[in-house]
Amino acid sequence: MPVSYPRPLTSRVLAHMDKIANAILEYKEVAGQLPAGSNADMVRALQSLNPRIFWKRELNARGEVIDPWGRPYVYLVPGNTFPELFDLYSVGPSGKGRTRPEERILCELKRM
């Protein structure tokens, strides 16, 4: 059974992931492909188009974009849930989403 997080936290995470996902889709339009690799690789690719895409507080020391709990978002390309594009999700406030998919907060941006 999926975990329900308090609405303000979930809304904040979903809004942040929507911003990232839209930037990824914009990158795809410009570059002709999705950013490849890890979270940090994706960040570098997005910053190549817009160096100010992320605030300093949105990134950790490894250059990964992080969720409100300070954990890096998981970026998978191709995705498991959205194999034609990518998956972007938070492992949630407990971090248990690393091993328990039902704990993940998945970005479900309407896909093109």
PDB file of N, CA and C in Angstrom:
ATOM      1  N   MET A   1       0.842  -1.177   0.000  1.00  0.00           N
ATOM      2  CA  MET A   1       0.000   0.000   0.000  1.00  0.00           C
ATOM      3  C   MET A   1       0.892   1.248   0.000  1.00  0.00           C
ATOM      4  N   PRO A   2       0.672   2.179  -0.936  1.00  0.00           N
ATOM      5  CA  PRO A   2       1.492   3.386  -0.993  1.00  0.00           C
ATOM      6  C   PRO A   2       1.362   4.232   0.268  1.00  0.00           C
ATOM      7  N   VAL A   3       2.418   4.923   0.586  1.00  0.00           N
ATOM      8  CA  VAL A   3       2.444   5.802   1.739  1.00  0.00           C
ATOM      9  C   VAL A   3       1.912   7.161   1.322  1.00  0.00           C
ATOM     10  N   SER A   4       1.112   7.781   2.165  1.00  0.00           N
ATOM     11  CA  SER A   4       0.640   9.145   1.908  1.00  0.00           C
ATOM     12  C   SER A   4       1.431  10.109   2.765  1.00  0.00           C
ATOM     13  N   TYR A   5       2.015  11.103   2.118  1.00  0.00           N
ATOM     14  CA  TYR A   5       2.743  12.121   2.846  1.00  0.00           C
ATOM     15  C   TYR A   5       1.845  13.331   3.009  1.00  0.00           C
ATOM     16  N   PRO A   6       2.096  14.154   4.009  1.00  0.00           N
ATOM     17  CA  PRO A   6       1.276  15.358   4.186  1.00  0.00           C
ATOM     18  C   PRO A   6       1.247  16.183   2.905  1.00  0.00           C
ATOM     19  N   ARG A   7       0.102  16.697   2.562  1.00  0.00           N
ATOM     20  CA  ARG A   7      -0.106  17.408   1.302  1.00  0.00           C
ATOM     21  C   ARG A   7       0.909  18.523   1.029  1.00  0.00           C
ATOM     22  N   PRO A   8       1.204  19.420   1.984  1.00  0.00           N
ATOM     23  CA  PRO A   8       2.164  20.490   1.659  1.00  0.00           C
ATOM     24  C   PRO A   8       3.534  19.953   1.250  1.00  0.00           C
ATOM     25  N   LEU A   9       4.016  18.904   1.933  1.00  0.00           N
ATOM     26  CA  LEU A   9       5.321  18.342   1.576  1.00  0.00           C
ATOM     27  C   LEU A   9       5.264  17.688   0.208  1.00  0.00           C
ATOM     28  N   THR A  10       4.237  16.886  -0.020  1.00  0.00           N
ATOM     29  CA  THR A  10       4.106  16.214  -1.303  1.00  0.00           C
ATOM     30  C   THR A  10       3.963  17.239  -2.419  1.00  0.00           C
ATOM     31  N   SER A  11       3.158  18.258  -2.204  1.00  0.00           N
ATOM     32  CA  SER A  11       2.974  19.293  -3.227  1.00  0.00           C
ATOM     33  C   SER A  11       4.288  19.989  -3.547  1.00  0.00           C
ATOM     34  N   ARG A  12       5.082  20.262  -2.544  1.00  0.00           N
ATOM     35  CA  ARG A  12       6.367  20.938  -2.738  1.00  0.00           C
ATOM     36  C   ARG A  12       7.324  20.059  -3.547  1.00  0.00           C
ATOM     37  N   VAL A  13       7.373  18.771  -3.209  1.00  0.00           N
ATOM     38  CA  VAL A  13       8.248  17.837  -3.932  1.00  0.00           C
ATOM     39  C   VAL A  13       7.769  17.694  -5.373  1.00  0.00           C
ATOM     40  N   LEU A  14       6.468  17.522  -5.559  1.00  0.00           N
ATOM     41  CA  LEU A  14       5.933  17.360  -6.911  1.00  0.00           C
ATOM     42  C   LEU A  14       6.169  18.604  -7.758  1.00  0.00           C
ATOM     43  N   ALA A  15       5.999  19.783  -7.179  1.00  0.00           N
ATOM     44  CA  ALA A  15       6.248  21.022  -7.912  1.00  0.00           C
ATOM     45  C   ALA A  15       7.723  21.124  -8.312  1.00  0.00           C
ATOM     46  N   HIS A  16       8.609  20.737  -7.409  1.00  0.00           N
ATOM     47  CA  HIS A  16      10.046  20.782  -7.706  1.00  0.00           C
ATOM     48  C   HIS A  16      10.384  19.798  -8.824  1.00  0.00           C
ATOM     49  N   MET A  17       9.834  18.582  -8.745  1.00  0.00           N
ATOM     50  CA  MET A  17      10.102  17.590  -9.780  1.00  0.00           C
ATOM     51  C   MET A  17       9.502  18.017 -11.123  1.00  0.00           C
ATOM     52  N   ASP A  18       8.339  18.676 -11.101  1.00  0.00           N
ATOM     53  CA  ASP A  18       7.751  19.171 -12.344  1.00  0.00           C
ATOM     54  C   ASP A  18       8.681  20.185 -13.011  1.00  0.00           C
ATOM     55  N   LYS A  19       9.278  21.058 -12.205  1.00  0.00           N
ATOM     56  CA  LYS A  19      10.236  22.045 -12.731  1.00  0.00           C
ATOM     57  C   LYS A  19      11.409  21.324 -13.404  1.00  0.00           C
ATOM     58  N   ILE A  20      11.925  20.319 -12.738  1.00  0.00           N
ATOM     59  CA  ILE A  20      13.068  19.568 -13.275  1.00  0.00           C
ATOM     60  C   ILE A  20      12.661  18.816 -14.540  1.00  0.00           C
ATOM     61  N   ALA A  21      11.509  18.146 -14.491  1.00  0.00           N
ATOM     62  CA  ALA A  21      11.047  17.367 -15.641  1.00  0.00           C
ATOM     63  C   ALA A  21      10.800  18.259 -16.853  1.00  0.00           C
ATOM     64  N   ASN A  22      10.216  19.423 -16.637  1.00  0.00           N
ATOM     65  CA  ASN A  22      10.002  20.351 -17.749  1.00  0.00           C
ATOM     66  C   ASN A  22      11.327  20.793 -18.354  1.00  0.00           C
ATOM     67  N   ALA A  23      12.333  21.022 -17.500  1.00  0.00           N
ATOM     68  CA  ALA A  23      13.655  21.404 -18.001  1.00  0.00           C
ATOM     69  C   ALA A  23      14.284  20.250 -18.793  1.00  0.00           C
ATOM     70  N   ILE A  24      14.062  19.017 -18.341  1.00  0.00           N
ATOM     71  CA  ILE A  24      14.576  17.850 -19.067  1.00  0.00           C
ATOM     72  C   ILE A  24      13.915  17.750 -20.440  1.00  0.00           C
ATOM     73  N   LEU A  25      12.600  17.941 -20.480  1.00  0.00           N
ATOM     74  CA  LEU A  25      11.889  17.877 -21.762  1.00  0.00           C
ATOM     75  C   LEU A  25      12.306  19.016 -22.696  1.00  0.00           C
ATOM     76  N   GLU A  26      12.569  20.188 -22.130  1.00  0.00           N
ATOM     77  CA  GLU A  26      13.071  21.312 -22.932  1.00  0.00           C
ATOM     78  C   GLU A  26      14.452  20.979 -23.492  1.00  0.00           C
ATOM     79  N   TYR A  27      15.300  20.376 -22.652  1.00  0.00           N
ATOM     80  CA  TYR A  27      16.629  19.960 -23.099  1.00  0.00           C
ATOM     81  C   TYR A  27      16.502  18.990 -24.277  1.00  0.00           C
ATOM     82  N   LYS A  28      15.567  18.053 -24.165  1.00  0.00           N
ATOM     83  CA  LYS A  28      15.346  17.073 -25.238  1.00  0.00           C
ATOM     84  C   LYS A  28      14.960  17.768 -26.540  1.00  0.00           C
ATOM     85  N   GLU A  29      14.116  18.784 -26.459  1.00  0.00           N
ATOM     86  CA  GLU A  29      13.718  19.531 -27.656  1.00  0.00           C
ATOM     87  C   GLU A  29      14.916  20.217 -28.308  1.00  0.00           C
ATOM     88  N   VAL A  30      15.781  20.795 -27.491  1.00  0.00           N
ATOM     89  CA  VAL A  30      16.933  21.537 -28.008  1.00  0.00           C
ATOM     90  C   VAL A  30      18.052  20.604 -28.472  1.00  0.00           C
ATOM     91  N   ALA A  31      18.388  19.618 -27.635  1.00  0.00           N
ATOM     92  CA  ALA A  31      19.533  18.748 -27.907  1.00  0.00           C
ATOM     93  C   ALA A  31      19.179  17.526 -28.751  1.00  0.00           C
ATOM     94  N   GLY A  32      17.889  17.220 -28.844  1.00  0.00           N
ATOM     95  CA  GLY A  32      17.486  16.054 -29.622  1.00  0.00           C
ATOM     96  C   GLY A  32      17.569  14.747 -28.876  1.00  0.00           C
ATOM     97  N   GLN A  33      17.935  14.813 -27.610  1.00  0.00           N
ATOM     98  CA  GLN A  33      18.012  13.607 -26.785  1.00  0.00           C
ATOM     99  C   GLN A  33      17.887  13.996 -25.321  1.00  0.00           C
ATOM    100  N   LEU A  34      17.560  13.023 -24.501  1.00  0.00           N
ATOM    101  CA  LEU A  34      17.484  13.262 -23.061  1.00  0.00           C
ATOM    102  C   LEU A  34      18.881  13.306 -22.473  1.00  0.00           C
ATOM    103  N   PRO A  35      19.067  14.030 -21.376  1.00  0.00           N
ATOM    104  CA  PRO A  35      20.358  13.967 -20.699  1.00  0.00           C
ATOM    105  C   PRO A  35      20.623  12.521 -20.276  1.00  0.00           C
ATOM    106  N   ALA A  36      21.811  12.032 -20.543  1.00  0.00           N
ATOM    107  CA  ALA A  36      22.171  10.661 -20.189  1.00  0.00           C
ATOM    108  C   ALA A  36      22.869  10.635 -18.841  1.00  0.00           C
ATOM    109  N   GLY A  37      22.838   9.487 -18.206  1.00  0.00           N
ATOM    110  CA  GLY A  37      23.617   9.286 -16.992  1.00  0.00           C
ATOM    111  C   GLY A  37      22.856   9.501 -15.710  1.00  0.00           C
ATOM    112  N   SER A  38      23.588   9.944 -14.722  1.00  0.00           N
ATOM    113  CA  SER A  38      23.100  10.078 -13.353  1.00  0.00           C
ATOM    114  C   SER A  38      22.424  11.427 -13.116  1.00  0.00           C
ATOM    115  N   ASN A  39      21.989  11.618 -11.896  1.00  0.00           N
ATOM    116  CA  ASN A  39      21.413  12.890 -11.458  1.00  0.00           C
ATOM    117  C   ASN A  39      22.398  14.027 -11.746  1.00  0.00           C
ATOM    118  N   ALA A  40      23.650  13.865 -11.338  1.00  0.00           N
ATOM    119  CA  ALA A  40      24.654  14.923 -11.537  1.00  0.00           C
ATOM    120  C   ALA A  40      24.911  15.183 -13.018  1.00  0.00           C
ATOM    121  N   ASP A  41      24.902  14.125 -13.836  1.00  0.00           N
ATOM    122  CA  ASP A  41      25.069  14.291 -15.285  1.00  0.00           C
ATOM    123  C   ASP A  41      23.909  15.093 -15.866  1.00  0.00           C
ATOM    124  N   MET A  42      22.690  14.781 -15.392  1.00  0.00           N
ATOM    125  CA  MET A  42      21.500  15.492 -15.842  1.00  0.00           C
ATOM    126  C   MET A  42      21.592  16.967 -15.453  1.00  0.00           C
ATOM    127  N   VAL A  43      22.034  17.250 -14.233  1.00  0.00           N
ATOM    128  CA  VAL A  43      22.175  18.634 -13.775  1.00  0.00           C
ATOM    129  C   VAL A  43      23.148  19.391 -14.678  1.00  0.00           C
ATOM    130  N   ARG A  44      24.301  18.794 -14.961  1.00  0.00           N
ATOM    131  CA  ARG A  44      25.285  19.457 -15.836  1.00  0.00           C
ATOM    132  C   ARG A  44      24.709  19.726 -17.223  1.00  0.00           C
ATOM    133  N   ALA A  45      23.953  18.763 -17.754  1.00  0.00           N
ATOM    134  CA  ALA A  45      23.346  18.947 -19.077  1.00  0.00           C
ATOM    135  C   ALA A  45      22.357  20.110 -19.052  1.00  0.00           C
ATOM    136  N   LEU A  46      21.505  20.146 -18.038  1.00  0.00           N
ATOM    137  CA  LEU A  46      20.521  21.230 -17.944  1.00  0.00           C
ATOM    138  C   LEU A  46      21.205  22.575 -17.747  1.00  0.00           C
ATOM    139  N   GLN A  47      22.277  22.595 -16.955  1.00  0.00           N
ATOM    140  CA  GLN A  47      23.007  23.844 -16.731  1.00  0.00           C
ATOM    141  C   GLN A  47      23.730  24.312 -17.993  1.00  0.00           C
ATOM    142  N   SER A  48      24.003  23.399 -18.921  1.00  0.00           N
ATOM    143  CA  SER A  48      24.640  23.819 -20.176  1.00  0.00           C
ATOM    144  C   SER A  48      23.689  24.694 -20.999  1.00  0.00           C
ATOM    145  N   LEU A  49      22.386  24.508 -20.822  1.00  0.00           N
ATOM    146  CA  LEU A  49      21.401  25.353 -21.499  1.00  0.00           C
ATOM    147  C   LEU A  49      21.047  26.582 -20.679  1.00  0.00           C
ATOM    148  N   ASN A  50      21.005  26.404 -19.364  1.00  0.00           N
ATOM    149  CA  ASN A  50      20.618  27.490 -18.463  1.00  0.00           C
ATOM    150  C   ASN A  50      21.446  27.381 -17.180  1.00  0.00           C
ATOM    151  N   PRO A  51      22.545  28.098 -17.085  1.00  0.00           N
ATOM    152  CA  PRO A  51      23.412  27.996 -15.909  1.00  0.00           C
ATOM    153  C   PRO A  51      22.715  28.336 -14.592  1.00  0.00           C
ATOM    154  N   ARG A  52      21.594  29.049 -14.661  1.00  0.00           N
ATOM    155  CA  ARG A  52      20.883  29.448 -13.441  1.00  0.00           C
ATOM    156  C   ARG A  52      19.638  28.599 -13.175  1.00  0.00           C
ATOM    157  N   ILE A  53      19.570  27.425 -13.774  1.00  0.00           N
ATOM    158  CA  ILE A  53      18.393  26.573 -13.624  1.00  0.00           C
ATOM    159  C   ILE A  53      18.159  26.162 -12.163  1.00  0.00           C
ATOM    160  N   PHE A  54      19.243  25.953 -11.408  1.00  0.00           N
ATOM    161  CA  PHE A  54      19.122  25.525 -10.015  1.00  0.00           C
ATOM    162  C   PHE A  54      19.763  26.539  -9.075  1.00  0.00           C
ATOM    163  N   TRP A  55      19.121  26.760  -7.932  1.00  0.00           N
ATOM    164  CA  TRP A  55      19.713  27.546  -6.859  1.00  0.00           C
ATOM    165  C   TRP A  55      20.774  26.681  -6.187  1.00  0.00           C
ATOM    166  N   LYS A  56      21.732  27.305  -5.583  1.00  0.00           N
ATOM    167  CA  LYS A  56      22.801  26.582  -4.891  1.00  0.00           C
ATOM    168  C   LYS A  56      22.226  25.627  -3.836  1.00  0.00           C
ATOM    169  N   ARG A  57      21.171  26.061  -3.151  1.00  0.00           N
ATOM    170  CA  ARG A  57      20.582  25.233  -2.087  1.00  0.00           C
ATOM    171  C   ARG A  57      19.862  23.995  -2.632  1.00  0.00           C
ATOM    172  N   GLU A  58      19.626  23.953  -3.942  1.00  0.00           N
ATOM    173  CA  GLU A  58      18.969  22.799  -4.556  1.00  0.00           C
ATOM    174  C   GLU A  58      19.952  21.682  -4.894  1.00  0.00           C
ATOM    175  N   LEU A  59      21.246  21.941  -4.752  1.00  0.00           N
ATOM    176  CA  LEU A  59      22.275  20.976  -5.128  1.00  0.00           C
ATOM    177  C   LEU A  59      23.105  20.555  -3.919  1.00  0.00           C
ATOM    178  N   ASN A  60      23.538  19.303  -3.934  1.00  0.00           N
ATOM    179  CA  ASN A  60      24.440  18.848  -2.880  1.00  0.00           C
ATOM    180  C   ASN A  60      25.892  19.031  -3.343  1.00  0.00           C
ATOM    181  N   ALA A  61      26.838  18.596  -2.521  1.00  0.00           N
ATOM    182  CA  ALA A  61      28.260  18.784  -2.826  1.00  0.00           C
ATOM    183  C   ALA A  61      28.698  18.012  -4.070  1.00  0.00           C
ATOM    184  N   ARG A  62      27.961  16.962  -4.440  1.00  0.00           N
ATOM    185  CA  ARG A  62      28.288  16.171  -5.634  1.00  0.00           C
ATOM    186  C   ARG A  62      27.645  16.739  -6.894  1.00  0.00           C
ATOM    187  N   GLY A  63      26.921  17.865  -6.756  1.00  0.00           N
ATOM    188  CA  GLY A  63      26.279  18.473  -7.907  1.00  0.00           C
ATOM    189  C   GLY A  63      24.971  17.810  -8.299  1.00  0.00           C
ATOM    190  N   GLU A  64      24.361  17.096  -7.368  1.00  0.00           N
ATOM    191  CA  GLU A  64      23.072  16.448  -7.624  1.00  0.00           C
ATOM    192  C   GLU A  64      21.955  17.341  -7.113  1.00  0.00           C
ATOM    193  N   VAL A  65      20.844  17.368  -7.834  1.00  0.00           N
ATOM    194  CA  VAL A  65      19.685  18.114  -7.366  1.00  0.00           C
ATOM    195  C   VAL A  65      19.004  17.259  -6.289  1.00  0.00           C
ATOM    196  N   ILE A  66      18.639  17.929  -5.177  1.00  0.00           N
ATOM    197  CA  ILE A  66      18.128  17.203  -4.010  1.00  0.00           C
ATOM    198  C   ILE A  66      16.679  17.578  -3.700  1.00  0.00           C
ATOM    199  N   ASP A  67      16.016  16.663  -3.004  1.00  0.00           N
ATOM    200  CA  ASP A  67      14.638  16.905  -2.577  1.00  0.00           C
ATOM    201  C   ASP A  67      14.641  17.715  -1.276  1.00  0.00           C
ATOM    202  N   PRO A  68      13.479  18.098  -0.770  1.00  0.00           N
ATOM    203  CA  PRO A  68      13.438  18.917   0.451  1.00  0.00           C
ATOM    204  C   PRO A  68      14.060  18.253   1.684  1.00  0.00           C
ATOM    205  N   TRP A  69      14.259  16.940   1.640  1.00  0.00           N
ATOM    206  CA  TRP A  69      14.860  16.224   2.781  1.00  0.00           C
ATOM    207  C   TRP A  69      16.369  16.063   2.598  1.00  0.00           C
ATOM    208  N   GLY A  70      16.912  16.657   1.545  1.00  0.00           N
ATOM    209  CA  GLY A  70      18.354  16.627   1.320  1.00  0.00           C
ATOM    210  C   GLY A  70      18.858  15.385   0.621  1.00  0.00           C
ATOM    211  N   ARG A  71      17.949  14.574   0.089  1.00  0.00           N
ATOM    212  CA  ARG A  71      18.342  13.359  -0.621  1.00  0.00           C
ATOM    213  C   ARG A  71      18.298  13.610  -2.123  1.00  0.00           C
ATOM    214  N   PRO A  72      19.266  13.067  -2.860  1.00  0.00           N
ATOM    215  CA  PRO A  72      19.245  13.261  -4.316  1.00  0.00           C
ATOM    216  C   PRO A  72      18.016  12.597  -4.940  1.00  0.00           C
ATOM    217  N   TYR A  73      17.414  13.286  -5.894  1.00  0.00           N
ATOM    218  CA  TYR A  73      16.359  12.657  -6.680  1.00  0.00           C
ATOM    219  C   TYR A  73      16.987  11.528  -7.487  1.00  0.00           C
ATOM    220  N   VAL A  74      16.194  10.538  -7.803  1.00  0.00           N
ATOM    221  CA  VAL A  74      16.658   9.461  -8.675  1.00  0.00           C
ATOM    222  C   VAL A  74      16.202   9.804 -10.091  1.00  0.00           C
ATOM    223  N   TYR A  75      17.152   9.821 -11.001  1.00  0.00           N
ATOM    224  CA  TYR A  75      16.899  10.089 -12.416  1.00  0.00           C
ATOM    225  C   TYR A  75      17.331   8.853 -13.183  1.00  0.00           C
ATOM    226  N   LEU A  76      16.397   8.227 -13.885  1.00  0.00           N
ATOM    227  CA  LEU A  76      16.682   7.040 -14.685  1.00  0.00           C
ATOM    228  C   LEU A  76      16.256   7.283 -16.121  1.00  0.00           C
ATOM    229  N   VAL A  77      17.161   7.046 -17.039  1.00  0.00           N
ATOM    230  CA  VAL A  77      16.831   7.167 -18.450  1.00  0.00           C
ATOM    231  C   VAL A  77      17.438   5.962 -19.178  1.00  0.00           C
ATOM    232  N   PRO A  78      16.665   5.152 -19.847  1.00  0.00           N
ATOM    233  CA  PRO A  78      15.209   5.174 -19.887  1.00  0.00           C
ATOM    234  C   PRO A  78      14.649   4.788 -18.526  1.00  0.00           C
ATOM    235  N   GLY A  79      13.438   5.213 -18.296  1.00  0.00           N
ATOM    236  CA  GLY A  79      12.802   4.928 -17.016  1.00  0.00           C
ATOM    237  C   GLY A  79      12.203   3.530 -16.957  1.00  0.00           C
ATOM    238  N   ASN A  80      11.933   3.083 -15.745  1.00  0.00           N
ATOM    239  CA  ASN A  80      11.224   1.815 -15.557  1.00  0.00           C
ATOM    240  C   ASN A  80       9.722   2.032 -15.702  1.00  0.00           C
ATOM    241  N   THR A  81       9.212   3.116 -15.129  1.00  0.00           N
ATOM    242  CA  THR A  81       7.796   3.432 -15.213  1.00  0.00           C
ATOM    243  C   THR A  81       7.463   4.078 -16.553  1.00  0.00           C
ATOM    244  N   PHE A  82       8.340   4.956 -17.029  1.00  0.00           N
ATOM    245  CA  PHE A  82       8.160   5.648 -18.307  1.00  0.00           C
ATOM    246  C   PHE A  82       9.340   5.301 -19.228  1.00  0.00           C
ATOM    247  N   PRO A  83       9.364   4.070 -19.770  1.00  0.00           N
ATOM    248  CA  PRO A  83      10.530   3.628 -20.549  1.00  0.00           C
ATOM    249  C   PRO A  83      10.786   4.428 -21.825  1.00  0.00           C
ATOM    250  N   GLU A  84       9.766   5.104 -22.332  1.00  0.00           N
ATOM    251  CA  GLU A  84       9.972   5.899 -23.539  1.00  0.00           C
ATOM    252  C   GLU A  84      10.668   7.218 -23.242  1.00  0.00           C
ATOM    253  N   LEU A  85      10.723   7.602 -21.963  1.00  0.00           N
ATOM    254  CA  LEU A  85      11.385   8.848 -21.584  1.00  0.00           C
ATOM    255  C   LEU A  85      12.303   8.621 -20.389  1.00  0.00           C
ATOM    256  N   PHE A  86      11.843   9.000 -19.210  1.00  0.00           N
ATOM    257  CA  PHE A  86      12.681   8.923 -18.016  1.00  0.00           C
ATOM    258  C   PHE A  86      11.798   8.826 -16.786  1.00  0.00           C
ATOM    259  N   ASP A  87      12.390   8.368 -15.698  1.00  0.00           N
ATOM    260  CA  ASP A  87      11.743   8.400 -14.386  1.00  0.00           C
ATOM    261  C   ASP A  87      12.488   9.411 -13.536  1.00  0.00           C
ATOM    262  N   LEU A  88      11.736  10.125 -12.728  1.00  0.00           N
ATOM    263  CA  LEU A  88      12.301  11.056 -11.759  1.00  0.00           C
ATOM    264  C   LEU A  88      11.492  10.872 -10.487  1.00  0.00           C
ATOM    265  N   TYR A  89      12.180  10.533  -9.390  1.00  0.00           N
ATOM    266  CA  TYR A  89      11.445  10.354  -8.146  1.00  0.00           C
ATOM    267  C   TYR A  89      12.300  10.677  -6.929  1.00  0.00           C
ATOM    268  N   SER A  90      11.589  10.954  -5.834  1.00  0.00           N
ATOM    269  CA  SER A  90      12.194  11.161  -4.521  1.00  0.00           C
ATOM    270  C   SER A  90      12.044   9.865  -3.748  1.00  0.00           C
ATOM    271  N   VAL A  91      13.022   9.547  -2.932  1.00  0.00           N
ATOM    272  CA  VAL A  91      12.919   8.348  -2.092  1.00  0.00           C
ATOM    273  C   VAL A  91      12.119   8.634  -0.829  1.00  0.00           C
ATOM    274  N   GLY A  92      11.586   9.852  -0.712  1.00  0.00           N
ATOM    275  CA  GLY A  92      10.718  10.213   0.404  1.00  0.00           C
ATOM    276  C   GLY A  92      11.489  10.653   1.636  1.00  0.00           C
ATOM    277  N   PRO A  93      10.757  11.152   2.631  1.00  0.00           N
ATOM    278  CA  PRO A  93      11.416  11.699   3.826  1.00  0.00           C
ATOM    279  C   PRO A  93      12.165  10.660   4.640  1.00  0.00           C
ATOM    280  N   SER A  94      11.740   9.418   4.596  1.00  0.00           N
ATOM    281  CA  SER A  94      12.418   8.370   5.370  1.00  0.00           C
ATOM    282  C   SER A  94      13.600   7.786   4.614  1.00  0.00           C
ATOM    283  N   GLY A  95      13.643   7.987   3.297  1.00  0.00           N
ATOM    284  CA  GLY A  95      14.700   7.395   2.476  1.00  0.00           C
ATOM    285  C   GLY A  95      14.436   5.945   2.128  1.00  0.00           C
ATOM    286  N   LYS A  96      13.329   5.392   2.610  1.00  0.00           N
ATOM    287  CA  LYS A  96      13.033   3.977   2.378  1.00  0.00           C
ATOM    288  C   LYS A  96      12.665   3.679   0.930  1.00  0.00           C
ATOM    289  N   GLY A  97      12.383   4.722   0.167  1.00  0.00           N
ATOM    290  CA  GLY A  97      12.048   4.533  -1.234  1.00  0.00           C
ATOM    291  C   GLY A  97      13.197   3.990  -2.063  1.00  0.00           C
ATOM    292  N   ARG A  98      14.403   3.977  -1.498  1.00  0.00           N
ATOM    293  CA  ARG A  98      15.538   3.377  -2.211  1.00  0.00           C
ATOM    294  C   ARG A  98      15.261   1.909  -2.498  1.00  0.00           C
ATOM    295  N   THR A  99      14.692   1.220  -1.518  1.00  0.00           N
ATOM    296  CA  THR A  99      14.456  -0.213  -1.644  1.00  0.00           C
ATOM    297  C   THR A  99      12.978  -0.583  -1.678  1.00  0.00           C
ATOM    298  N   ARG A 100      12.116   0.365  -1.339  1.00  0.00           N
ATOM    299  CA  ARG A 100      10.681   0.091  -1.303  1.00  0.00           C
ATOM    300  C   ARG A 100       9.953   1.028  -2.270  1.00  0.00           C
ATOM    301  N   PRO A 101       9.655   0.532  -3.477  1.00  0.00           N
ATOM    302  CA  PRO A 101       9.024   1.386  -4.486  1.00  0.00           C
ATOM    303  C   PRO A 101       7.739   2.061  -4.018  1.00  0.00           C
ATOM    304  N   GLU A 102       7.003   1.442  -3.135  1.00  0.00           N
ATOM    305  CA  GLU A 102       5.750   2.033  -2.663  1.00  0.00           C
ATOM    306  C   GLU A 102       5.975   3.290  -1.834  1.00  0.00           C
ATOM    307  N   GLU A 103       7.201   3.533  -1.378  1.00  0.00           N
ATOM    308  CA  GLU A 103       7.537   4.721  -0.588  1.00  0.00           C
ATOM    309  C   GLU A 103       8.014   5.886  -1.460  1.00  0.00           C
ATOM    310  N   ARG A 104       8.220   5.627  -2.741  1.00  0.00           N
ATOM    311  CA  ARG A 104       8.736   6.655  -3.646  1.00  0.00           C
ATOM    312  C   ARG A 104       7.668   7.676  -3.989  1.00  0.00           C
ATOM    313  N   ILE A 105       8.118   8.895  -4.224  1.00  0.00           N
ATOM    314  CA  ILE A 105       7.241   9.952  -4.727  1.00  0.00           C
ATOM    315  C   ILE A 105       7.666  10.168  -6.171  1.00  0.00           C
ATOM    316  N   LEU A 106       6.852   9.683  -7.093  1.00  0.00           N
ATOM    317  CA  LEU A 106       7.179   9.666  -8.510  1.00  0.00           C
ATOM    318  C   LEU A 106       6.654  10.918  -9.205  1.00  0.00           C
ATOM    319  N   CYS A 107       7.471  11.483 -10.054  1.00  0.00           N
ATOM    320  CA  CYS A 107       7.037  12.602 -10.886  1.00  0.00           C
ATOM    321  C   CYS A 107       6.187  12.023 -12.000  1.00  0.00           C
ATOM    322  N   GLU A 108       4.933  12.422 -12.037  1.00  0.00           N
ATOM    323  CA  GLU A 108       4.020  11.923 -13.060  1.00  0.00           C
ATOM    324  C   GLU A 108       3.556  13.051 -13.975  1.00  0.00           C
ATOM    325  N   LEU A 109       4.521  13.877 -14.350  1.00  0.00           N
ATOM    326  CA  LEU A 109       4.238  14.965 -15.282  1.00  0.00           C
ATOM    327  C   LEU A 109       3.605  14.390 -16.534  1.00  0.00           C
ATOM    328  N   LYS A 110       2.586  15.046 -17.032  1.00  0.00           N
ATOM    329  CA  LYS A 110       1.954  14.565 -18.261  1.00  0.00           C
ATOM    330  C   LYS A 110       2.994  14.531 -19.355  1.00  0.00           C
ATOM    331  N   ARG A 111       3.157  13.370 -19.930  1.00  0.00           N
ATOM    332  CA  ARG A 111       4.195  13.162 -20.934  1.00  0.00           C
ATOM    333  C   ARG A 111       3.698  13.531 -22.319  1.00  0.00           C
ATOM    334  N   MET A 112       4.635  13.942 -23.163  1.00  0.00           N
ATOM    335  CA  MET A 112       4.306  14.346 -24.532  1.00  0.00           C
ATOM    336  C   MET A 112       3.890  13.123 -25.334  1.00  0.00           C
TER     337      MET A 112
END
